[in-house]
Protein backbone atom coordinates (compact mmCIF):
# COMPACT_ATOMS: atom_id res chain seq x y z
CA UNK A 1 130.56 137.36 24.24
CA UNK A 2 127.78 137.24 21.65
CA UNK A 3 129.73 139.51 19.30
CA UNK A 4 132.96 137.53 19.70
CA UNK A 5 131.18 134.24 19.01
CA UNK A 6 129.63 135.55 15.80
CA UNK A 7 132.94 137.11 14.70
CA UNK A 8 134.66 133.76 15.23
CA UNK A 9 131.82 131.42 14.26
CA UNK A 10 134.24 129.00 12.56
CA UNK A 11 136.39 128.65 15.66
CA UNK A 12 134.17 127.59 18.57
CA UNK A 13 136.17 124.78 20.13
CA UNK A 14 136.44 124.72 23.94
CA UNK A 15 139.95 126.20 23.98
CA UNK A 16 138.85 129.13 21.84
CA UNK A 17 135.76 129.70 23.98
CA UNK A 18 138.00 130.00 27.04
CA UNK A 19 140.23 132.46 25.18
CA UNK A 20 137.22 134.59 24.21
CA UNK A 21 135.86 134.55 27.75
CA UNK A 22 139.21 135.66 29.15
CA UNK A 23 139.34 138.48 26.60
CA UNK A 24 136.11 140.03 27.87
CA UNK A 25 136.77 139.47 31.58
CA UNK A 26 134.35 136.65 32.37
CA UNK A 27 134.68 134.94 35.76
CA UNK A 28 136.92 132.15 34.49
CA UNK A 29 136.32 129.74 37.36
CA UNK A 30 132.57 129.82 36.78
CA UNK A 31 132.96 129.78 33.00
CA UNK A 32 135.26 126.74 32.91
CA UNK A 33 133.05 124.92 35.43
CA UNK A 34 129.96 125.56 33.30
CA UNK A 35 131.70 124.72 30.02
CA UNK A 36 133.13 121.47 31.38
CA UNK A 37 129.98 120.32 33.14
CA UNK A 38 127.82 119.81 30.06
CA UNK A 39 124.98 121.19 32.18
CA UNK A 40 123.17 122.70 29.19
CA UNK A 41 124.14 120.13 26.53
CA UNK A 42 120.76 118.39 26.43
CA UNK A 43 118.88 121.70 26.21
CA UNK A 44 121.16 122.90 23.40
CA UNK A 45 120.72 119.63 21.47
CA UNK A 46 116.94 119.87 21.87
CA UNK A 47 116.92 123.47 20.61
CA UNK A 48 119.12 122.57 17.65
CA UNK A 49 116.91 119.63 16.71
CA UNK A 50 113.81 121.83 16.93
CA UNK A 51 115.42 124.44 14.67
CA UNK A 52 116.50 121.83 12.14
CA UNK A 53 113.02 120.33 12.13
CA UNK A 54 111.66 123.81 11.29
CA UNK A 55 114.12 124.08 8.40
CA UNK A 56 116.67 126.36 10.03
CA UNK A 57 120.21 125.66 8.85
CA UNK A 58 122.21 128.43 10.47
CA UNK A 59 122.22 131.67 12.37
CA UNK A 60 120.82 134.11 12.16
CA UNK A 61 117.48 132.81 10.94
CA UNK A 62 114.03 134.13 11.76
CA UNK A 63 110.61 132.58 11.51
CA UNK A 64 107.56 134.82 11.19
CA UNK A 65 104.06 133.59 11.81
CA UNK A 66 100.80 133.79 13.66
CA UNK A 67 99.91 132.98 17.25
CA UNK A 68 97.43 130.13 17.19
CA UNK A 69 94.05 130.15 18.93
CA UNK A 70 95.51 128.19 21.86
CA UNK A 71 97.61 131.28 22.60
CA UNK A 72 100.71 129.11 23.10
CA UNK A 73 101.88 128.00 19.69
CA UNK A 74 102.90 129.86 16.57
CA UNK A 75 102.31 128.78 13.00
CA UNK A 76 105.44 129.83 11.12
CA UNK A 77 104.64 130.92 7.57
CA UNK A 78 107.74 132.83 6.50
CA UNK A 79 111.47 132.34 7.02
CA UNK A 80 114.24 134.90 6.75
CA UNK A 81 117.69 133.34 6.38
CA UNK A 82 120.90 135.14 7.19
CA UNK A 83 121.62 138.65 8.34
CA UNK A 84 119.27 140.78 6.29
CA UNK A 85 118.89 144.55 6.09
CA UNK A 86 115.98 146.27 7.76
CA UNK A 87 114.19 146.70 4.43
CA UNK A 88 114.02 142.92 3.86
CA UNK A 89 112.70 142.27 7.37
CA UNK A 90 110.17 145.10 7.11
CA UNK A 91 108.93 143.82 3.75
CA UNK A 92 108.50 140.30 5.16
CA UNK A 93 106.55 141.57 8.17
CA UNK A 94 104.41 143.91 6.07
CA UNK A 95 103.64 141.08 3.66
CA UNK A 96 102.63 138.84 6.53
CA UNK A 97 100.44 141.53 8.09
CA UNK A 98 98.68 142.06 4.75
CA UNK A 99 97.53 138.42 4.77
CA UNK A 100 95.55 138.95 8.01
CA UNK A 101 96.71 135.61 9.38
CA UNK A 102 95.23 133.60 6.56
């Protein structure tokens, strides 16, 4: 489903989502029940707001950073926007590692 959603990222209305789910053999009763229930809507909105607050504007986007002393939070210091080749990601990680968390 992930691949179909990214391939059709400009067509994600409920009718299209049902069509994609049928195409890959998803349990349609469960899928339609979940889609129609709005069960995850608040969680999705919260995640989107958090991403926007961090400066993310689309997918894929990656934030690189350091785990803070509390062991629970991360200080993001570098952002990679869009689908990038391995070399770009490696360079960003290597650059971050060379700063020693400073």
